[in-house]
N, C-alpha and C. Protein backbone atom coordinates (compact mmCIF):
# COMPACT_ATOMS: atom_id res chain seq x y z
N ALA A 1 34.63 20.52 -38.18
CA ALA A 1 35.37 19.34 -37.82
C ALA A 1 34.55 18.09 -38.04
N ASP A 2 33.59 18.13 -38.98
CA ASP A 2 32.80 16.95 -39.30
C ASP A 2 33.59 16.03 -40.22
N ILE A 3 33.34 14.75 -40.09
CA ILE A 3 34.01 13.74 -40.91
C ILE A 3 32.96 13.06 -41.77
N GLU A 4 33.19 13.03 -43.08
CA GLU A 4 32.24 12.36 -43.96
C GLU A 4 32.52 10.88 -43.95
N ALA A 5 31.44 10.08 -43.85
CA ALA A 5 31.53 8.63 -43.86
C ALA A 5 30.67 8.09 -45.00
N ASP A 6 30.80 6.81 -45.28
CA ASP A 6 30.02 6.20 -46.36
C ASP A 6 28.51 6.31 -46.13
N ASN A 7 28.10 6.26 -44.86
CA ASN A 7 26.68 6.29 -44.56
C ASN A 7 26.20 7.64 -44.01
N GLY A 8 26.94 8.70 -44.17
CA GLY A 8 26.52 10.02 -43.71
C GLY A 8 27.67 10.83 -43.16
N VAL A 9 27.37 11.74 -42.27
CA VAL A 9 28.37 12.63 -41.68
C VAL A 9 28.48 12.35 -40.20
N VAL A 10 29.68 12.22 -39.70
CA VAL A 10 29.96 12.05 -38.28
C VAL A 10 30.34 13.41 -37.73
N HIS A 11 29.61 13.86 -36.71
CA HIS A 11 29.91 15.15 -36.08
C HIS A 11 30.89 14.92 -34.94
N VAL A 12 31.98 15.65 -34.96
CA VAL A 12 32.99 15.53 -33.93
C VAL A 12 32.72 16.59 -32.87
N ILE A 13 32.64 16.14 -31.62
CA ILE A 13 32.40 17.06 -30.51
C ILE A 13 33.73 17.29 -29.82
N ASP A 14 34.15 18.55 -29.76
CA ASP A 14 35.41 18.85 -29.12
C ASP A 14 35.24 19.70 -27.86
N ALA A 15 34.00 19.96 -27.48
CA ALA A 15 33.75 20.73 -26.27
C ALA A 15 32.36 20.37 -25.75
N VAL A 16 32.20 20.45 -24.44
CA VAL A 16 30.90 20.22 -23.81
C VAL A 16 30.47 21.53 -23.18
N LEU A 17 29.30 22.00 -23.57
CA LEU A 17 28.78 23.24 -23.02
C LEU A 17 27.96 22.94 -21.78
N THR A 18 28.17 23.70 -20.72
CA THR A 18 27.40 23.53 -19.50
C THR A 18 26.69 24.84 -19.20
N PRO A 19 25.47 24.77 -18.64
CA PRO A 19 24.77 26.00 -18.30
C PRO A 19 25.51 26.75 -17.20
N SER A 20 25.25 28.05 -17.11
CA SER A 20 25.95 28.88 -16.12
C SER A 20 25.58 28.47 -14.70
N THR A 21 24.37 27.94 -14.50
CA THR A 21 23.96 27.45 -13.19
C THR A 21 23.89 25.94 -13.28
N GLY A 22 24.85 25.28 -12.68
CA GLY A 22 24.90 23.83 -12.74
C GLY A 22 23.90 23.18 -11.81
N VAL A 23 23.82 21.87 -11.91
CA VAL A 23 22.88 21.10 -11.09
C VAL A 23 23.19 21.28 -9.62
N ARG A 24 24.44 21.31 -9.25
CA ARG A 24 24.78 21.47 -7.84
C ARG A 24 24.26 22.78 -7.27
N GLN A 25 24.29 23.86 -8.04
CA GLN A 25 23.77 25.14 -7.59
C GLN A 25 22.26 25.06 -7.39
N LEU A 26 21.56 24.41 -8.32
CA LEU A 26 20.10 24.30 -8.21
C LEU A 26 19.69 23.51 -6.99
N ILE A 27 20.42 22.44 -6.68
CA ILE A 27 20.08 21.62 -5.55
C ILE A 27 20.31 22.37 -4.24
N ARG A 28 21.22 23.32 -4.22
CA ARG A 28 21.51 24.05 -3.00
C ARG A 28 20.42 25.04 -2.61
N ASP A 29 19.40 25.25 -3.45
CA ASP A 29 18.31 26.13 -3.07
C ASP A 29 17.49 25.56 -1.91
N ALA A 30 17.36 24.28 -1.84
CA ALA A 30 16.65 23.62 -0.74
C ALA A 30 17.41 22.36 -0.38
N VAL A 31 17.81 22.26 0.87
CA VAL A 31 18.57 21.10 1.30
C VAL A 31 17.89 20.47 2.51
N ASP A 32 18.35 19.27 2.86
CA ASP A 32 17.85 18.56 4.03
C ASP A 32 16.34 18.39 3.99
N VAL A 33 15.83 17.90 2.87
CA VAL A 33 14.41 17.61 2.74
C VAL A 33 14.13 16.27 3.42
N SER A 34 13.14 16.25 4.30
CA SER A 34 12.72 14.98 4.90
C SER A 34 11.20 14.93 4.95
N ILE A 35 10.69 13.72 4.76
CA ILE A 35 9.25 13.49 4.77
C ILE A 35 8.97 12.42 5.82
N TYR A 36 8.08 12.74 6.74
CA TYR A 36 7.74 11.77 7.77
C TYR A 36 6.28 11.94 8.18
N PRO A 37 5.58 10.91 8.61
CA PRO A 37 6.02 9.52 8.47
C PRO A 37 5.99 9.09 7.01
N ASN A 38 6.81 8.16 6.68
CA ASN A 38 6.85 7.63 5.31
C ASN A 38 7.23 6.16 5.40
N PRO A 39 6.28 5.25 5.29
CA PRO A 39 4.94 5.38 4.72
C PRO A 39 3.97 6.09 5.67
N ALA A 40 2.90 6.62 5.07
CA ALA A 40 1.90 7.38 5.81
C ALA A 40 0.51 6.94 5.39
N SER A 41 -0.48 7.30 6.22
CA SER A 41 -1.87 6.98 5.86
C SER A 41 -2.79 8.20 5.95
N ASP A 42 -2.55 9.10 6.90
CA ASP A 42 -3.44 10.25 7.08
C ASP A 42 -2.81 11.58 6.66
N PHE A 43 -1.54 11.78 7.00
CA PHE A 43 -0.85 13.03 6.70
C PHE A 43 0.64 12.77 6.58
N ILE A 44 1.33 13.70 5.93
CA ILE A 44 2.79 13.68 5.91
C ILE A 44 3.28 15.05 6.33
N ASN A 45 4.42 15.08 6.96
CA ASN A 45 5.12 16.32 7.26
C ASN A 45 6.28 16.44 6.30
N VAL A 46 6.38 17.57 5.65
CA VAL A 46 7.49 17.83 4.73
C VAL A 46 8.35 18.91 5.38
N LYS A 47 9.57 18.53 5.72
CA LYS A 47 10.50 19.46 6.35
C LYS A 47 11.60 19.78 5.35
N TYR A 48 11.86 21.07 5.15
CA TYR A 48 12.91 21.47 4.22
C TYR A 48 13.58 22.73 4.73
N ASP A 49 14.82 22.90 4.31
CA ASP A 49 15.64 24.05 4.71
C ASP A 49 15.98 24.84 3.46
N LEU A 50 15.47 26.06 3.38
CA LEU A 50 15.74 26.92 2.22
C LEU A 50 17.02 27.71 2.41
N VAL A 51 17.84 27.73 1.39
CA VAL A 51 19.06 28.51 1.40
C VAL A 51 18.78 29.95 0.96
N ASN A 52 17.79 30.10 0.05
CA ASN A 52 17.41 31.43 -0.46
C ASN A 52 15.92 31.66 -0.27
N ASP A 53 15.52 32.92 -0.15
CA ASP A 53 14.11 33.28 -0.11
C ASP A 53 13.47 32.99 -1.46
N GLY A 54 12.15 32.70 -1.46
CA GLY A 54 11.47 32.51 -2.73
C GLY A 54 10.10 31.89 -2.56
N ALA A 55 9.38 31.84 -3.69
CA ALA A 55 8.05 31.23 -3.71
C ALA A 55 8.19 29.71 -3.68
N ILE A 56 7.36 29.06 -2.87
CA ILE A 56 7.44 27.62 -2.68
C ILE A 56 6.08 27.00 -2.96
N SER A 57 6.10 25.87 -3.68
CA SER A 57 4.89 25.08 -3.85
C SER A 57 5.26 23.61 -3.75
N LEU A 58 4.31 22.80 -3.29
CA LEU A 58 4.50 21.36 -3.18
C LEU A 58 3.44 20.69 -4.03
N GLU A 59 3.86 19.75 -4.87
CA GLU A 59 2.96 19.02 -5.74
C GLU A 59 3.20 17.53 -5.56
N MET A 60 2.10 16.76 -5.58
CA MET A 60 2.23 15.32 -5.49
C MET A 60 1.59 14.70 -6.72
N PHE A 61 2.29 13.72 -7.30
CA PHE A 61 1.84 13.04 -8.50
C PHE A 61 1.78 11.54 -8.25
N ASP A 62 0.79 10.88 -8.88
CA ASP A 62 0.75 9.42 -8.82
C ASP A 62 1.70 8.87 -9.87
N MET A 63 1.80 7.55 -9.94
CA MET A 63 2.75 6.94 -10.87
C MET A 63 2.31 7.03 -12.33
N LEU A 64 1.09 7.50 -12.58
CA LEU A 64 0.64 7.74 -13.95
C LEU A 64 0.94 9.17 -14.38
N GLY A 65 1.51 9.96 -13.46
CA GLY A 65 1.85 11.34 -13.78
C GLY A 65 0.73 12.33 -13.54
N GLN A 66 -0.36 11.88 -12.91
CA GLN A 66 -1.48 12.77 -12.63
C GLN A 66 -1.25 13.49 -11.31
N GLN A 67 -1.47 14.79 -11.31
CA GLN A 67 -1.32 15.58 -10.10
C GLN A 67 -2.49 15.25 -9.16
N VAL A 68 -2.16 14.86 -7.93
CA VAL A 68 -3.20 14.50 -6.97
C VAL A 68 -3.28 15.47 -5.81
N LEU A 69 -2.31 16.37 -5.68
CA LEU A 69 -2.29 17.32 -4.58
C LEU A 69 -1.38 18.48 -4.95
N ILE A 70 -1.80 19.68 -4.55
CA ILE A 70 -0.94 20.86 -4.70
C ILE A 70 -1.12 21.73 -3.47
N SER A 71 -0.02 22.27 -2.99
CA SER A 71 -0.04 23.16 -1.84
C SER A 71 0.87 24.35 -2.12
N GLU A 72 0.26 25.50 -2.33
CA GLU A 72 1.03 26.72 -2.57
C GLU A 72 1.42 27.31 -1.21
N GLN A 73 2.71 27.46 -0.97
CA GLN A 73 3.18 27.99 0.31
C GLN A 73 3.46 29.48 0.25
N GLY A 74 3.37 30.06 -0.94
CA GLY A 74 3.64 31.49 -1.08
C GLY A 74 5.12 31.79 -0.95
N TYR A 75 5.43 33.02 -0.60
CA TYR A 75 6.82 33.46 -0.47
C TYR A 75 7.34 33.04 0.90
N SER A 76 8.46 32.33 0.90
CA SER A 76 9.07 31.86 2.15
C SER A 76 10.48 32.40 2.28
N TYR A 77 10.86 32.66 3.50
CA TYR A 77 12.21 33.14 3.77
C TYR A 77 13.14 31.97 4.04
N LYS A 78 14.44 32.21 3.82
CA LYS A 78 15.41 31.13 4.02
C LYS A 78 15.33 30.63 5.46
N GLY A 79 15.66 29.35 5.61
CA GLY A 79 15.59 28.73 6.93
C GLY A 79 14.76 27.46 6.88
N ASN A 80 14.47 26.93 8.07
CA ASN A 80 13.73 25.68 8.19
C ASN A 80 12.22 25.90 8.11
N HIS A 81 11.56 25.01 7.40
CA HIS A 81 10.10 25.06 7.26
C HIS A 81 9.55 23.65 7.36
N THR A 82 8.34 23.52 7.92
CA THR A 82 7.65 22.24 7.97
C THR A 82 6.21 22.46 7.54
N VAL A 83 5.74 21.62 6.63
CA VAL A 83 4.39 21.71 6.10
C VAL A 83 3.71 20.37 6.32
N GLU A 84 2.48 20.39 6.84
CA GLU A 84 1.70 19.17 7.00
C GLU A 84 0.73 19.07 5.83
N LEU A 85 0.77 17.94 5.13
CA LEU A 85 -0.11 17.72 3.99
C LEU A 85 -1.04 16.54 4.26
N PRO A 86 -2.35 16.71 4.04
CA PRO A 86 -3.29 15.59 4.22
C PRO A 86 -3.19 14.62 3.05
N VAL A 87 -3.11 13.33 3.36
CA VAL A 87 -3.03 12.31 2.31
C VAL A 87 -4.07 11.20 2.51
N SER A 88 -5.03 11.42 3.41
CA SER A 88 -6.02 10.38 3.72
C SER A 88 -6.92 10.06 2.53
N ASP A 89 -7.08 10.97 1.58
CA ASP A 89 -7.92 10.73 0.40
C ASP A 89 -7.19 9.95 -0.70
N LEU A 90 -5.88 9.75 -0.56
CA LEU A 90 -5.11 9.06 -1.59
C LEU A 90 -5.17 7.55 -1.41
N GLU A 91 -5.12 6.84 -2.52
CA GLU A 91 -5.11 5.38 -2.51
C GLU A 91 -3.73 4.86 -2.10
N THR A 92 -3.69 3.62 -1.66
CA THR A 92 -2.41 2.98 -1.36
C THR A 92 -1.54 2.97 -2.61
N GLY A 93 -0.28 3.36 -2.46
CA GLY A 93 0.63 3.37 -3.60
C GLY A 93 1.84 4.24 -3.36
N ILE A 94 2.63 4.39 -4.39
CA ILE A 94 3.84 5.22 -4.38
C ILE A 94 3.52 6.51 -5.12
N TYR A 95 3.92 7.64 -4.55
CA TYR A 95 3.68 8.95 -5.13
C TYR A 95 4.99 9.72 -5.19
N LEU A 96 5.04 10.72 -6.03
CA LEU A 96 6.20 11.57 -6.16
C LEU A 96 5.84 12.96 -5.67
N LEU A 97 6.54 13.42 -4.64
CA LEU A 97 6.34 14.77 -4.10
C LEU A 97 7.43 15.67 -4.66
N ILE A 98 7.02 16.77 -5.27
CA ILE A 98 7.98 17.72 -5.85
C ILE A 98 7.85 19.04 -5.11
N ILE A 99 8.98 19.52 -4.60
CA ILE A 99 9.05 20.82 -3.95
C ILE A 99 9.64 21.79 -4.97
N ASN A 100 8.85 22.78 -5.36
CA ASN A 100 9.30 23.80 -6.31
C ASN A 100 9.79 25.00 -5.52
N THR A 101 11.05 25.37 -5.73
CA THR A 101 11.65 26.47 -4.98
C THR A 101 11.94 27.69 -5.84
N GLY A 102 11.28 27.82 -6.96
CA GLY A 102 11.53 28.95 -7.84
C GLY A 102 12.58 28.62 -8.88
N ASN A 103 13.81 28.37 -8.44
CA ASN A 103 14.89 28.05 -9.36
C ASN A 103 15.13 26.55 -9.51
N SER A 104 14.51 25.74 -8.68
CA SER A 104 14.79 24.31 -8.72
C SER A 104 13.59 23.50 -8.28
N GLN A 105 13.71 22.20 -8.48
CA GLN A 105 12.71 21.25 -8.04
C GLN A 105 13.43 20.10 -7.34
N ILE A 106 12.91 19.71 -6.20
CA ILE A 106 13.46 18.58 -5.47
C ILE A 106 12.35 17.55 -5.38
N ALA A 107 12.62 16.31 -5.78
CA ALA A 107 11.62 15.25 -5.79
C ALA A 107 11.94 14.19 -4.75
N SER A 108 10.89 13.67 -4.11
CA SER A 108 11.03 12.60 -3.14
C SER A 108 9.85 11.64 -3.30
N LYS A 109 10.11 10.36 -3.05
CA LYS A 109 9.05 9.36 -3.10
C LYS A 109 8.31 9.33 -1.77
N VAL A 110 6.99 9.15 -1.86
CA VAL A 110 6.16 9.01 -0.68
C VAL A 110 5.32 7.75 -0.87
N ARG A 111 5.26 6.95 0.17
CA ARG A 111 4.46 5.72 0.12
C ARG A 111 3.23 5.90 1.01
N ILE A 112 2.04 5.67 0.43
CA ILE A 112 0.78 5.77 1.16
C ILE A 112 0.26 4.36 1.38
N VAL A 113 -0.12 4.05 2.61
CA VAL A 113 -0.70 2.74 2.96
C VAL A 113 -2.00 2.97 3.70
N LYS A 114 -2.95 2.10 3.48
CA LYS A 114 -4.26 2.19 4.15
C LYS A 114 -4.47 1.00 5.04
């Protein structure tokens, strides 16, 4: 169903393919993520509710994309979890905390102040 034009070929799209596991399904692996205190200076608490069992890790990145912290939580069962992460060694700034739940990643901004 391509159409030839003076300057090349125009591809006609008549269907959109979606993966079998949509974004909504991936987000449902971990819900109700909260980080407190935020902003923080010494530590943050990361509270999350897992819908499914699985391996969990938490990673924090600075705005240059450099990993500044990693916390492997191992295999966790579904339900509520709270993890305390030390952030006193980090400089003042905005960071991205990513919770890896095996099938998905949930990202949240964290602000560090000194």
